[in-house]
Amino acid sequence: MIVVDASVAVQWVVPEASTPLSDMLLNRVDLAAPELLLVEVANVFRKKLAGGLISAAQKGGDKGDGLRV
């Protein structure tokens, strides 16, 4: 079992941040995540949004189908 942290999970949904390792992990079935993963990912998105590194559309905030930060 491999435990995935927020930095890897964010790479799955922010295309420009993808790495070969994160891509390989996405196809695994033996992944686990800490209970706070969603909170940690929300914090990463908040920081990226505040820094202008992603738009509200990229995090899904303006469509109602994404993670609210």
C-alpha atoms as a PDB file:
ATOM      1  CA  MET A   1       0.000   0.000   0.000  1.00  0.00           C
ATOM      2  CA  ILE A   2       1.214   3.471  -0.891  1.00  0.00           C
ATOM      3  CA  VAL A   3       0.047   6.498   1.104  1.00  0.00           C
ATOM      4  CA  VAL A   4      -0.553   9.536  -1.103  1.00  0.00           C
ATOM      5  CA  ASP A   5      -0.132  13.040   0.259  1.00  0.00           C
ATOM      6  CA  ALA A   6      -1.665  16.301  -0.941  1.00  0.00           C
ATOM      7  CA  SER A   7       1.266  17.203  -3.188  1.00  0.00           C
ATOM      8  CA  VAL A   8       0.665  14.092  -5.286  1.00  0.00           C
ATOM      9  CA  ALA A   9      -3.132  14.414  -5.285  1.00  0.00           C
ATOM     10  CA  VAL A  10      -2.897  18.017  -6.523  1.00  0.00           C
ATOM     11  CA  GLN A  11      -0.694  16.884  -9.410  1.00  0.00           C
ATOM     12  CA  TRP A  12      -3.546  14.669 -10.608  1.00  0.00           C
ATOM     13  CA  VAL A  13      -5.883  17.640 -11.085  1.00  0.00           C
ATOM     14  CA  VAL A  14      -3.493  20.475 -11.974  1.00  0.00           C
ATOM     15  CA  PRO A  15      -2.094  19.298 -15.321  1.00  0.00           C
ATOM     16  CA  GLU A  16       0.948  21.560 -15.392  1.00  0.00           C
ATOM     17  CA  ALA A  17       2.103  20.086 -12.082  1.00  0.00           C
ATOM     18  CA  SER A  18       2.013  16.461 -13.242  1.00  0.00           C
ATOM     19  CA  THR A  19       5.135  14.322 -12.948  1.00  0.00           C
ATOM     20  CA  PRO A  20       5.889  10.821 -14.234  1.00  0.00           C
ATOM     21  CA  LEU A  21       5.698   9.501 -10.657  1.00  0.00           C
ATOM     22  CA  SER A  22       2.279  11.057  -9.972  1.00  0.00           C
ATOM     23  CA  ASP A  23       1.013   9.723 -13.308  1.00  0.00           C
ATOM     24  CA  MET A  24       2.228   6.224 -12.435  1.00  0.00           C
ATOM     25  CA  LEU A  25       0.592   6.358  -8.996  1.00  0.00           C
ATOM     26  CA  LEU A  26      -2.747   7.415 -10.484  1.00  0.00           C
ATOM     27  CA  ASN A  27      -3.069   3.994 -12.121  1.00  0.00           C
ATOM     28  CA  ARG A  28      -2.405   2.029  -8.915  1.00  0.00           C
ATOM     29  CA  VAL A  29      -5.171   0.318  -6.985  1.00  0.00           C
ATOM     30  CA  ASP A  30      -3.311  -0.012  -3.683  1.00  0.00           C
ATOM     31  CA  LEU A  31      -3.376   3.649  -2.658  1.00  0.00           C
ATOM     32  CA  ALA A  32      -4.365   5.069   0.698  1.00  0.00           C
ATOM     33  CA  ALA A  33      -4.700   8.639   1.907  1.00  0.00           C
ATOM     34  CA  PRO A  34      -4.632  10.337   5.289  1.00  0.00           C
ATOM     35  CA  GLU A  35      -7.967  11.451   6.723  1.00  0.00           C
ATOM     36  CA  LEU A  36      -6.965  15.087   6.281  1.00  0.00           C
ATOM     37  CA  LEU A  37      -6.153  14.762   2.566  1.00  0.00           C
ATOM     38  CA  LEU A  38      -9.111  16.882   1.398  1.00  0.00           C
ATOM     39  CA  VAL A  39      -8.247  19.639   3.876  1.00  0.00           C
ATOM     40  CA  GLU A  40      -4.605  19.560   2.781  1.00  0.00           C
ATOM     41  CA  VAL A  41      -5.562  19.671  -0.919  1.00  0.00           C
ATOM     42  CA  ALA A  42      -7.956  22.563  -0.261  1.00  0.00           C
ATOM     43  CA  ASN A  43      -5.098  24.449   1.393  1.00  0.00           C
ATOM     44  CA  VAL A  44      -2.832  23.868  -1.622  1.00  0.00           C
ATOM     45  CA  PHE A  45      -5.572  25.138  -3.956  1.00  0.00           C
ATOM     46  CA  ARG A  46      -6.148  28.179  -1.734  1.00  0.00           C
ATOM     47  CA  LYS A  47      -2.452  29.030  -1.879  1.00  0.00           C
ATOM     48  CA  LYS A  48      -2.262  28.485  -5.656  1.00  0.00           C
ATOM     49  CA  LEU A  49      -5.374  30.619  -6.193  1.00  0.00           C
ATOM     50  CA  ALA A  50      -4.075  33.420  -3.951  1.00  0.00           C
ATOM     51  CA  GLY A  51      -0.730  33.344  -5.744  1.00  0.00           C
ATOM     52  CA  GLY A  52      -2.360  33.497  -9.175  1.00  0.00           C
ATOM     53  CA  LEU A  53      -0.971  30.072 -10.091  1.00  0.00           C
ATOM     54  CA  ILE A  54      -4.427  28.676 -10.884  1.00  0.00           C
ATOM     55  CA  SER A  55      -7.773  30.243 -11.722  1.00  0.00           C
ATOM     56  CA  ALA A  56     -11.086  29.696  -9.980  1.00  0.00           C
ATOM     57  CA  ALA A  57     -12.148  27.680 -13.041  1.00  0.00           C
ATOM     58  CA  GLN A  58      -9.178  25.333 -12.633  1.00  0.00           C
ATOM     59  CA  LYS A  59     -10.054  24.551  -9.024  1.00  0.00           C
ATOM     60  CA  GLY A  60     -13.734  24.208  -9.979  1.00  0.00           C
ATOM     61  CA  GLY A  61     -14.937  27.056  -7.777  1.00  0.00           C
ATOM     62  CA  ASP A  62     -16.945  28.873 -10.406  1.00  0.00           C
ATOM     63  CA  LYS A  63     -18.808  25.808 -11.681  1.00  0.00           C
ATOM     64  CA  GLY A  64     -20.050  24.414  -8.403  1.00  0.00           C
ATOM     65  CA  ASP A  65     -18.490  21.018  -9.084  1.00  0.00           C
ATOM     66  CA  GLY A  66     -15.081  21.503  -7.567  1.00  0.00           C
ATOM     67  CA  LEU A  67     -13.461  21.869  -4.223  1.00  0.00           C
ATOM     68  CA  ARG A  68     -14.494  24.969  -2.303  1.00  0.00           C
ATOM     69  CA  VAL A  69     -11.640  26.841  -0.640  1.00  0.00           C
END
